[in-house]
Protein backbone atom coordinates (compact mmCIF):
# COMPACT_ATOMS: atom_id res chain seq x y z
CA MET A 1 -13.03 5.02 -0.78
CA ARG A 2 -9.81 4.81 -2.32
CA GLU A 3 -9.01 2.87 -5.87
CA ILE A 4 -4.64 2.35 -6.88
CA ASN A 5 -3.92 0.57 -9.80
CA THR A 6 -2.00 -2.70 -8.65
CA THR A 7 0.01 -5.22 -10.12
CA ILE A 8 0.32 -9.44 -8.73
CA THR A 9 2.92 -10.73 -10.50
CA GLN A 10 3.33 -14.53 -9.66
CA HIS A 11 6.10 -16.28 -9.23
CA GLY A 12 5.06 -20.52 -8.02
CA THR A 13 3.66 -19.15 -4.61
CA ARG A 14 4.98 -15.88 -4.18
CA LEU A 15 3.40 -12.95 -4.96
CA GLU A 16 5.11 -9.52 -6.14
CA VAL A 17 2.57 -6.18 -5.65
CA THR A 18 3.70 -2.83 -6.88
CA PHE A 19 0.51 0.22 -6.65
CA ASN A 20 1.10 3.06 -9.36
CA GLY A 21 -0.75 5.57 -9.99
CA PRO A 22 -0.59 9.32 -10.37
CA THR A 23 -0.37 9.66 -6.09
CA VAL A 24 1.69 7.31 -5.44
CA ILE A 25 5.15 8.65 -4.66
CA VAL A 26 6.56 4.49 -3.44
CA SER A 27 5.62 1.08 -3.70
CA ALA A 28 8.17 -1.12 -4.55
CA LYS A 29 7.12 -4.88 -5.26
CA ILE A 30 6.34 -6.23 -1.70
CA PRO A 31 6.40 -9.53 -1.41
CA GLY A 32 3.29 -11.36 -0.59
CA ARG A 33 2.39 -15.83 -0.83
CA ILE A 34 -0.21 -17.59 -2.27
CA ALA A 35 -1.33 -20.96 -1.55
CA GLY A 36 -4.72 -22.17 -3.53
CA THR A 37 -6.90 -19.26 -3.98
CA ALA A 38 -5.53 -17.71 -0.93
CA PHE A 39 -3.00 -15.16 -0.57
CA SER A 40 -1.39 -12.74 1.75
CA PHE A 41 0.90 -9.43 1.58
CA ALA A 42 2.05 -7.52 4.34
CA ILE A 43 3.16 -3.47 3.79
CA GLU A 44 5.47 -1.81 6.28
CA GLY A 45 5.13 1.57 7.49
CA LEU A 46 8.02 3.73 8.45
CA ASP A 47 9.05 6.88 10.14
CA PHE A 48 9.66 8.37 6.76
CA TYR A 49 10.97 11.57 8.39
CA TYR A 50 14.67 9.24 8.82
CA SER A 51 14.20 6.75 6.06
CA TYR A 52 12.71 8.73 3.04
CA PRO A 53 12.80 7.90 -0.11
CA ALA A 54 10.83 4.48 1.72
CA ASP A 55 12.39 1.10 1.61
CA GLU A 56 10.98 -1.77 0.01
CA TYR A 57 8.47 -2.97 1.30
CA SER A 58 6.15 0.79 1.58
CA LEU A 59 3.92 2.43 -0.02
CA LEU A 60 3.52 5.79 -0.08
CA GLU A 61 1.01 8.18 -2.18
CA ARG A 62 1.34 12.49 -2.67
CA LEU A 63 -3.09 12.78 -3.10
CA SER A 64 -2.42 16.52 -2.96
CA PRO A 65 0.70 18.85 -2.75
CA THR A 66 0.28 19.47 0.54
CA ASP A 67 -1.37 15.93 1.87
CA TRP A 68 0.16 12.32 1.94
CA VAL A 69 -0.86 8.66 2.68
CA ALA A 70 1.26 6.09 4.32
CA THR A 71 -0.51 2.82 4.64
CA TYR A 72 0.42 0.17 6.64
CA GLY A 73 -0.15 -3.66 7.30
CA THR A 74 -1.58 -7.07 6.16
CA ALA A 75 -3.99 -8.14 3.59
CA GLU A 76 -5.35 -11.41 3.70
CA GLY A 77 -8.32 -12.82 0.82
CA THR A 78 -9.22 -15.08 -1.62
CA GLY A 79 -10.56 -15.07 -4.87
CA ASP A 80 -11.07 -16.15 -8.68
CA ARG A 81 -8.64 -14.97 -12.42
CA SER A 82 -11.12 -12.24 -12.17
CA VAL A 83 -12.12 -10.94 -8.73
CA ILE A 84 -9.94 -10.92 -5.37
CA GLY A 85 -11.57 -9.53 -2.07
CA GLY A 86 -10.27 -9.78 1.47
CA THR A 87 -9.66 -8.19 3.81
CA PHE A 88 -7.09 -5.08 4.99
CA ARG A 89 -6.15 -4.60 8.94
CA GLY A 90 -3.48 -1.79 9.32
CA GLY A 91 -3.10 1.83 8.91
CA LEU A 92 -2.92 5.15 7.59
CA ALA A 93 -0.62 8.02 8.31
CA TYR A 94 -1.22 11.55 7.17
CA PHE A 95 0.23 13.74 7.10
CA VAL A 96 0.33 18.12 6.06
CA THR A 97 3.60 19.82 4.18
CA PRO A 98 4.06 22.93 2.67
CA ALA A 99 3.05 22.44 -0.70
CA ASN A 100 6.85 22.72 -1.52
CA ALA A 101 8.09 19.91 0.73
CA THR A 102 9.94 16.98 -1.02
CA ILE A 103 9.42 14.77 2.02
CA PRO A 104 6.94 14.06 4.46
CA PRO A 105 7.36 14.53 8.43
CA GLY A 106 7.92 12.00 11.12
CA HIS A 107 4.83 12.54 12.95
CA ALA A 108 1.59 11.69 11.65
CA LYS A 109 -1.71 11.68 12.37
CA THR A 110 -2.59 8.17 12.49
CA CYS A 111 -5.99 6.52 11.61
CA ILE A 112 -6.78 2.10 11.73
CA ALA A 113 -7.57 1.60 8.13
CA ASN A 114 -9.41 -2.21 9.27
CA SER A 115 -11.27 -2.63 5.85
CA GLU A 116 -13.13 -4.85 3.16
CA PHE A 117 -10.61 -4.73 -0.11
CA THR A 118 -11.58 -5.99 -4.26
CA LEU A 119 -8.52 -6.47 -6.75
CA ARG A 120 -10.08 -6.46 -9.89
CA ARG A 121 -8.56 -7.79 -13.56
CA GLN A 122 -8.50 -5.38 -16.35
C-alpha cells in the first residue's frame, strides 16, 4: 500500500493532477477529464535514461538513495467532494542505482499495477 499527496485542480471539465511529497522527483500537471462524478487521467511512462528530466505527464519517485519507481497507466473513478475512488491500470518500473546516481538507468524491473485507489480530501 502506498500513499502520495495529490493536488487536483479543476477547470470546467478538465483536471490537473499533481503528485507531491518527499519521495516525488518528477510530477507535473497531469491532464484529466471529469464528467459529473466520473473522472480519468493518464500517467505516461518514459525511458528515463533518454529523457530525464521526465516530460510533463510522468511520475517518478525516489523511495531511497538506491530505489526509484516510475508509475504509468490510467486512473478512472467516481466520487463526491470528500472521497474519490476508482481503479488504476498500468505498471510500475522499478530501478536500482548506486546511491550517488542522479538519474535512473534505462532498464527497469517492471510489474503490472492494477489496483484500487482512494483519494481523500484533507
